[in-house]
Amino acid sequence: MSFTAADLPPLMSVPSSVDIDPYRFPLLQFIGDWNVASDKAALIREAPVYEGDDPNLLPSIGVIVHALADRAGVPVPNWVARHRAPEDVMMFRWAFDGRYARWERRRAPAVCAYHRVWFHPRMLDKGTPDWWLPWD
């Protein structure tokens, strides 16, 4: 079974039992599922729903879906454009003004600026042979 975008909110809103962002594993699993899916559009057809108080959860899903769909030439669903963070943030809560964040923002997919959520583009390679290539 593959994760869909609609499956992600409850998985991402559960407090992590280790000292990392609870977004990491669900998003990486979704990306890996996307990269091997024969029907990619089916994974993003249904809009994710979230009623919690994390203002970055849906924008984080939106930016990943937007970047993956653009890269694969899959039409971006209308629900994606509705999800923008209230301020610029790094996906996994790195300090936005830190040295690593500046390095990562220079490499981020263009859609990150629209959603105001930034991540390194190699994250999109999860589940592909490129995932293990050295980082630039």
N, C-alpha and C. Protein backbone atom coordinates (compact mmCIF):
# COMPACT_ATOMS: atom_id res chain seq x y z
N MET A 1 0.84 -1.18 0.00
CA MET A 1 0.00 0.00 0.00
C MET A 1 0.89 1.25 0.00
N SER A 2 0.54 2.20 -0.81
CA SER A 2 1.29 3.46 -0.89
C SER A 2 0.58 4.54 -0.08
N PHE A 3 1.36 5.42 0.50
CA PHE A 3 0.79 6.60 1.15
C PHE A 3 0.29 7.55 0.07
N THR A 4 -0.85 8.17 0.34
CA THR A 4 -1.33 9.27 -0.49
C THR A 4 -1.12 10.55 0.29
N ALA A 5 -1.25 11.68 -0.38
CA ALA A 5 -1.14 12.97 0.31
C ALA A 5 -2.19 13.08 1.41
N ALA A 6 -3.37 12.54 1.16
CA ALA A 6 -4.46 12.60 2.14
C ALA A 6 -4.16 11.77 3.39
N ASP A 7 -3.29 10.78 3.29
CA ASP A 7 -2.93 9.95 4.44
C ASP A 7 -1.96 10.66 5.40
N LEU A 8 -1.29 11.69 4.94
CA LEU A 8 -0.17 12.25 5.68
C LEU A 8 -0.49 13.03 6.96
N PRO A 9 -1.53 13.88 6.99
CA PRO A 9 -1.71 14.72 8.20
C PRO A 9 -1.72 13.98 9.53
N PRO A 10 -2.48 12.90 9.68
CA PRO A 10 -2.43 12.25 11.01
C PRO A 10 -1.08 11.64 11.33
N LEU A 11 -0.36 11.22 10.31
CA LEU A 11 0.97 10.64 10.54
C LEU A 11 1.99 11.71 10.91
N MET A 12 1.81 12.90 10.38
CA MET A 12 2.76 14.00 10.62
C MET A 12 2.46 14.77 11.90
N SER A 13 1.28 14.60 12.45
CA SER A 13 0.91 15.38 13.63
C SER A 13 1.09 14.60 14.93
N VAL A 14 1.56 13.38 14.84
CA VAL A 14 1.84 12.57 16.02
C VAL A 14 3.20 12.99 16.57
N PRO A 15 3.29 13.30 17.86
CA PRO A 15 4.59 13.68 18.41
C PRO A 15 5.63 12.59 18.19
N SER A 16 6.80 12.99 17.79
CA SER A 16 7.87 12.05 17.52
C SER A 16 8.44 11.51 18.82
N SER A 17 8.78 10.23 18.83
CA SER A 17 9.37 9.64 20.03
C SER A 17 10.89 9.80 20.06
N VAL A 18 11.45 10.30 18.98
CA VAL A 18 12.88 10.57 18.93
C VAL A 18 13.07 12.05 18.64
N ASP A 19 14.29 12.52 18.73
CA ASP A 19 14.54 13.95 18.62
C ASP A 19 14.67 14.42 17.16
N ILE A 20 13.64 14.14 16.35
CA ILE A 20 13.57 14.66 14.99
C ILE A 20 12.15 15.11 14.71
N ASP A 21 12.00 15.86 13.67
CA ASP A 21 10.70 16.36 13.27
C ASP A 21 9.77 15.21 12.88
N PRO A 22 8.51 15.19 13.37
CA PRO A 22 7.60 14.10 13.02
C PRO A 22 7.19 14.11 11.54
N TYR A 23 7.54 15.14 10.79
CA TYR A 23 7.26 15.16 9.35
C TYR A 23 8.14 14.20 8.57
N ARG A 24 9.34 13.98 9.05
CA ARG A 24 10.39 13.32 8.26
C ARG A 24 9.96 11.96 7.70
N PHE A 25 9.58 11.03 8.52
CA PHE A 25 9.30 9.68 8.05
C PHE A 25 8.08 9.61 7.15
N PRO A 26 6.95 10.22 7.51
CA PRO A 26 5.80 10.15 6.59
C PRO A 26 6.08 10.80 5.23
N LEU A 27 6.74 11.94 5.23
CA LEU A 27 7.03 12.60 3.95
C LEU A 27 8.01 11.78 3.11
N LEU A 28 9.04 11.24 3.73
CA LEU A 28 9.99 10.42 2.98
C LEU A 28 9.34 9.16 2.44
N GLN A 29 8.43 8.55 3.22
CA GLN A 29 7.73 7.37 2.72
C GLN A 29 6.83 7.74 1.54
N PHE A 30 6.13 8.88 1.65
CA PHE A 30 5.30 9.34 0.53
C PHE A 30 6.15 9.57 -0.72
N ILE A 31 7.29 10.21 -0.56
CA ILE A 31 8.17 10.48 -1.70
C ILE A 31 8.66 9.17 -2.32
N GLY A 32 9.07 8.24 -1.48
CA GLY A 32 9.51 6.94 -1.99
C GLY A 32 8.39 6.22 -2.72
N ASP A 33 7.18 6.27 -2.17
CA ASP A 33 6.03 5.65 -2.83
C ASP A 33 5.76 6.33 -4.17
N TRP A 34 5.83 7.66 -4.20
CA TRP A 34 5.62 8.42 -5.43
C TRP A 34 6.62 7.98 -6.51
N ASN A 35 7.86 7.86 -6.12
CA ASN A 35 8.91 7.57 -7.10
C ASN A 35 8.80 6.19 -7.73
N VAL A 36 8.04 5.28 -7.14
CA VAL A 36 7.85 3.96 -7.74
C VAL A 36 6.42 3.73 -8.21
N ALA A 37 5.54 4.69 -8.01
CA ALA A 37 4.12 4.53 -8.37
C ALA A 37 3.91 4.56 -9.88
N SER A 38 3.02 3.71 -10.35
CA SER A 38 2.68 3.74 -11.77
C SER A 38 1.60 4.80 -12.04
N ASP A 39 0.78 5.11 -11.03
CA ASP A 39 -0.26 6.13 -11.18
C ASP A 39 -0.01 7.23 -10.14
N LYS A 40 0.91 8.10 -10.45
CA LYS A 40 1.30 9.16 -9.51
C LYS A 40 0.14 10.09 -9.20
N ALA A 41 -0.67 10.41 -10.19
CA ALA A 41 -1.80 11.34 -9.98
C ALA A 41 -2.76 10.82 -8.92
N ALA A 42 -2.90 9.50 -8.81
CA ALA A 42 -3.81 8.93 -7.80
C ALA A 42 -3.33 9.24 -6.39
N LEU A 43 -2.02 9.41 -6.20
CA LEU A 43 -1.48 9.67 -4.87
C LEU A 43 -1.76 11.10 -4.38
N ILE A 44 -2.12 11.99 -5.29
CA ILE A 44 -2.32 13.39 -4.91
C ILE A 44 -3.72 13.91 -5.24
N ARG A 45 -4.57 13.04 -5.73
CA ARG A 45 -5.92 13.44 -6.15
C ARG A 45 -6.74 14.00 -4.99
N GLU A 46 -6.73 13.30 -3.88
CA GLU A 46 -7.54 13.69 -2.72
C GLU A 46 -6.75 14.67 -1.84
N ALA A 47 -7.39 15.77 -1.50
CA ALA A 47 -6.74 16.79 -0.67
C ALA A 47 -6.58 16.31 0.77
N PRO A 48 -5.42 16.57 1.36
CA PRO A 48 -5.26 16.25 2.78
C PRO A 48 -6.07 17.21 3.64
N VAL A 49 -6.56 16.71 4.75
CA VAL A 49 -7.36 17.51 5.68
C VAL A 49 -6.67 17.49 7.04
N TYR A 50 -6.57 18.65 7.63
CA TYR A 50 -5.91 18.77 8.94
C TYR A 50 -6.59 19.90 9.70
N GLU A 51 -6.97 19.63 10.94
CA GLU A 51 -7.65 20.64 11.75
C GLU A 51 -6.87 21.00 13.00
N GLY A 52 -5.61 20.65 13.03
CA GLY A 52 -4.77 20.95 14.18
C GLY A 52 -4.22 22.37 14.13
N ASP A 53 -3.26 22.65 15.01
CA ASP A 53 -2.77 24.02 15.14
C ASP A 53 -1.37 24.24 14.56
N ASP A 54 -0.87 23.29 13.77
CA ASP A 54 0.45 23.44 13.14
C ASP A 54 0.27 24.15 11.80
N PRO A 55 0.69 25.42 11.70
CA PRO A 55 0.46 26.18 10.46
C PRO A 55 1.33 25.74 9.29
N ASN A 56 2.31 24.87 9.55
CA ASN A 56 3.23 24.45 8.49
C ASN A 56 2.98 23.04 7.96
N LEU A 57 2.07 22.32 8.58
CA LEU A 57 1.85 20.94 8.19
C LEU A 57 1.32 20.83 6.75
N LEU A 58 0.21 21.47 6.44
CA LEU A 58 -0.34 21.39 5.08
C LEU A 58 0.56 22.07 4.04
N PRO A 59 1.18 23.20 4.35
CA PRO A 59 2.13 23.75 3.38
C PRO A 59 3.31 22.81 3.09
N SER A 60 3.74 22.04 4.09
CA SER A 60 4.83 21.08 3.88
C SER A 60 4.39 19.96 2.94
N ILE A 61 3.19 19.50 3.07
CA ILE A 61 2.66 18.51 2.14
C ILE A 61 2.52 19.14 0.76
N GLY A 62 1.96 20.35 0.73
CA GLY A 62 1.74 21.03 -0.54
C GLY A 62 3.01 21.25 -1.33
N VAL A 63 4.07 21.67 -0.67
CA VAL A 63 5.33 21.94 -1.39
C VAL A 63 5.94 20.66 -1.95
N ILE A 64 5.85 19.57 -1.20
CA ILE A 64 6.39 18.30 -1.68
C ILE A 64 5.58 17.81 -2.88
N VAL A 65 4.26 17.86 -2.77
CA VAL A 65 3.40 17.44 -3.88
C VAL A 65 3.67 18.31 -5.11
N HIS A 66 3.75 19.61 -4.90
CA HIS A 66 3.98 20.55 -6.00
C HIS A 66 5.31 20.23 -6.70
N ALA A 67 6.37 20.05 -5.94
CA ALA A 67 7.69 19.78 -6.51
C ALA A 67 7.72 18.44 -7.24
N LEU A 68 7.14 17.41 -6.64
CA LEU A 68 7.12 16.09 -7.28
C LEU A 68 6.30 16.11 -8.57
N ALA A 69 5.13 16.73 -8.51
CA ALA A 69 4.26 16.78 -9.69
C ALA A 69 4.93 17.56 -10.82
N ASP A 70 5.53 18.70 -10.49
CA ASP A 70 6.24 19.48 -11.51
C ASP A 70 7.34 18.64 -12.16
N ARG A 71 8.12 17.97 -11.34
CA ARG A 71 9.24 17.18 -11.85
C ARG A 71 8.76 16.04 -12.75
N ALA A 72 7.61 15.44 -12.42
CA ALA A 72 7.10 14.29 -13.18
C ALA A 72 6.18 14.69 -14.33
N GLY A 73 5.84 15.98 -14.43
CA GLY A 73 4.92 16.41 -15.47
C GLY A 73 3.48 16.01 -15.19
N VAL A 74 3.17 15.81 -13.92
CA VAL A 74 1.80 15.46 -13.50
C VAL A 74 1.09 16.76 -13.15
N PRO A 75 -0.16 16.94 -13.60
CA PRO A 75 -0.88 18.17 -13.24
C PRO A 75 -0.96 18.35 -11.71
N VAL A 76 -0.69 19.55 -11.27
CA VAL A 76 -0.73 19.87 -9.84
C VAL A 76 -2.20 20.10 -9.46
N PRO A 77 -2.70 19.34 -8.47
CA PRO A 77 -4.10 19.52 -8.07
C PRO A 77 -4.36 20.93 -7.52
N ASN A 78 -5.58 21.41 -7.67
CA ASN A 78 -5.95 22.75 -7.20
C ASN A 78 -5.72 22.94 -5.71
N TRP A 79 -5.89 21.90 -4.91
CA TRP A 79 -5.77 22.04 -3.46
C TRP A 79 -4.35 22.48 -3.05
N VAL A 80 -3.36 22.18 -3.86
CA VAL A 80 -1.96 22.47 -3.51
C VAL A 80 -1.72 23.97 -3.33
N ALA A 81 -2.30 24.78 -4.19
CA ALA A 81 -2.07 26.24 -4.16
C ALA A 81 -2.63 26.89 -2.90
N ARG A 82 -3.54 26.24 -2.23
CA ARG A 82 -4.15 26.83 -1.01
C ARG A 82 -3.22 26.76 0.20
N HIS A 83 -2.13 26.04 0.09
CA HIS A 83 -1.30 25.78 1.27
C HIS A 83 0.04 26.50 1.21
N ARG A 84 0.09 27.60 1.97
CA ARG A 84 1.31 28.41 2.10
C ARG A 84 1.56 28.66 3.58
N ALA A 85 2.79 28.57 3.99
CA ALA A 85 3.13 28.83 5.39
C ALA A 85 2.99 30.33 5.68
N PRO A 86 2.68 30.70 6.92
CA PRO A 86 2.54 32.12 7.26
C PRO A 86 3.86 32.89 7.22
N GLU A 87 4.98 32.17 7.30
CA GLU A 87 6.30 32.78 7.19
C GLU A 87 7.24 31.74 6.61
N ASP A 88 8.40 32.17 6.12
CA ASP A 88 9.37 31.25 5.56
C ASP A 88 9.92 30.33 6.65
N VAL A 89 9.92 29.02 6.35
CA VAL A 89 10.42 28.02 7.30
C VAL A 89 11.21 26.96 6.55
N MET A 90 12.12 26.33 7.27
CA MET A 90 12.83 25.17 6.74
C MET A 90 11.99 23.95 7.08
N MET A 91 11.94 23.00 6.17
CA MET A 91 11.08 21.82 6.32
C MET A 91 11.28 21.12 7.67
N PHE A 92 12.50 20.89 8.07
CA PHE A 92 12.73 20.14 9.30
C PHE A 92 13.20 21.02 10.45
N ARG A 93 12.69 22.21 10.47
CA ARG A 93 12.86 23.16 11.57
C ARG A 93 14.28 23.61 11.83
N TRP A 94 15.12 23.60 10.79
CA TRP A 94 16.42 24.26 10.91
C TRP A 94 16.16 25.75 11.06
N ALA A 95 17.04 26.46 11.70
CA ALA A 95 16.90 27.91 11.82
C ALA A 95 16.91 28.50 10.41
N PHE A 96 15.93 29.32 10.10
CA PHE A 96 15.79 29.83 8.73
C PHE A 96 16.95 30.75 8.35
N ASP A 97 17.54 31.42 9.33
CA ASP A 97 18.62 32.35 9.01
C ASP A 97 20.01 31.76 9.24
N GLY A 98 20.08 30.47 9.51
CA GLY A 98 21.37 29.83 9.77
C GLY A 98 22.14 29.54 8.49
N ARG A 99 23.40 29.20 8.66
CA ARG A 99 24.29 28.93 7.52
C ARG A 99 23.79 27.74 6.69
N TYR A 100 23.39 26.66 7.35
CA TYR A 100 22.88 25.50 6.62
C TYR A 100 21.61 25.86 5.85
N ALA A 101 20.73 26.61 6.45
CA ALA A 101 19.49 27.00 5.78
C ALA A 101 19.77 27.84 4.54
N ARG A 102 20.72 28.75 4.63
CA ARG A 102 21.08 29.57 3.45
C ARG A 102 21.60 28.68 2.33
N TRP A 103 22.44 27.71 2.67
CA TRP A 103 22.98 26.77 1.69
C TRP A 103 21.84 25.97 1.04
N GLU A 104 20.92 25.48 1.87
CA GLU A 104 19.82 24.66 1.38
C GLU A 104 18.85 25.48 0.52
N ARG A 105 18.56 26.69 0.91
CA ARG A 105 17.62 27.53 0.13
C ARG A 105 18.15 27.81 -1.27
N ARG A 106 19.45 27.92 -1.43
CA ARG A 106 20.01 28.16 -2.77
C ARG A 106 19.77 26.98 -3.70
N ARG A 107 19.58 25.80 -3.16
CA ARG A 107 19.40 24.60 -3.95
C ARG A 107 17.94 24.16 -4.03
N ALA A 108 17.08 24.75 -3.27
CA ALA A 108 15.69 24.32 -3.15
C ALA A 108 14.92 24.45 -4.46
N PRO A 109 13.93 23.58 -4.67
CA PRO A 109 13.06 23.74 -5.85
C PRO A 109 12.37 25.10 -5.83
N ALA A 110 12.10 25.64 -7.00
CA ALA A 110 11.49 26.97 -7.13
C ALA A 110 10.15 27.07 -6.40
N VAL A 111 9.40 25.98 -6.31
CA VAL A 111 8.08 26.04 -5.67
C VAL A 111 8.17 26.31 -4.17
N CYS A 112 9.34 26.14 -3.60
CA CYS A 112 9.51 26.42 -2.16
C CYS A 112 9.18 27.88 -1.85
N ALA A 113 9.54 28.78 -2.73
CA ALA A 113 9.27 30.21 -2.49
C ALA A 113 7.78 30.47 -2.40
N TYR A 114 6.98 29.85 -3.26
CA TYR A 114 5.53 30.05 -3.22
C TYR A 114 4.94 29.53 -1.91
N HIS A 115 5.32 28.32 -1.52
CA HIS A 115 4.74 27.70 -0.31
C HIS A 115 5.39 28.19 0.98
N ARG A 116 6.54 28.86 0.86
CA ARG A 116 7.29 29.39 2.00
C ARG A 116 7.84 28.29 2.91
N VAL A 117 8.00 27.11 2.32
CA VAL A 117 8.59 25.96 3.02
C VAL A 117 9.75 25.48 2.16
N TRP A 118 10.94 25.39 2.76
CA TRP A 118 12.17 25.13 2.02
C TRP A 118 12.76 23.78 2.40
N PHE A 119 13.31 23.09 1.41
CA PHE A 119 13.99 21.81 1.65
C PHE A 119 14.99 21.59 0.52
N HIS A 120 15.94 20.69 0.75
CA HIS A 120 16.94 20.37 -0.25
C HIS A 120 16.29 19.49 -1.33
N PRO A 121 16.58 19.74 -2.61
CA PRO A 121 15.92 18.99 -3.68
C PRO A 121 16.23 17.50 -3.69
N ARG A 122 17.34 17.08 -3.11
CA ARG A 122 17.66 15.66 -3.08
C ARG A 122 16.64 14.85 -2.27
N MET A 123 15.90 15.52 -1.41
CA MET A 123 14.85 14.83 -0.67
C MET A 123 13.86 14.17 -1.64
N LEU A 124 13.66 14.77 -2.80
CA LEU A 124 12.71 14.25 -3.79
C LEU A 124 13.21 12.96 -4.45
N ASP A 125 14.46 12.59 -4.21
CA ASP A 125 15.04 11.41 -4.83
C ASP A 125 14.87 10.14 -4.00
N LYS A 126 14.20 10.22 -2.87
CA LYS A 126 14.01 9.05 -2.00
C LYS A 126 13.42 7.91 -2.83
N GLY A 127 14.02 6.74 -2.71
CA GLY A 127 13.53 5.57 -3.43
C GLY A 127 14.05 5.43 -4.84
N THR A 128 14.95 6.31 -5.25
CA THR A 128 15.55 6.23 -6.59
C THR A 128 17.05 5.96 -6.44
N PRO A 129 17.70 5.54 -7.50
CA PRO A 129 19.15 5.35 -7.42
C PRO A 129 19.90 6.65 -7.09
N ASP A 130 19.32 7.81 -7.44
CA ASP A 130 19.97 9.10 -7.15
C ASP A 130 20.01 9.43 -5.66
N TRP A 131 19.19 8.78 -4.86
CA TRP A 131 19.12 9.05 -3.43
C TRP A 131 20.48 8.86 -2.77
N TRP A 132 21.28 7.96 -3.26
CA TRP A 132 22.57 7.63 -2.64
C TRP A 132 23.76 8.35 -3.26
N LEU A 133 23.53 9.19 -4.24
CA LEU A 133 24.63 9.95 -4.82
C LEU A 133 25.17 10.95 -3.80
N PRO A 134 26.43 11.32 -3.88
CA PRO A 134 26.96 12.34 -2.96
C PRO A 134 26.21 13.67 -3.11
N TRP A 135 26.02 14.34 -2.00
CA TRP A 135 25.36 15.65 -2.01
C TRP A 135 26.33 16.68 -2.56
N ASP A 136 25.80 17.64 -3.28
CA ASP A 136 26.67 18.72 -3.78
C ASP A 136 26.79 19.81 -2.77
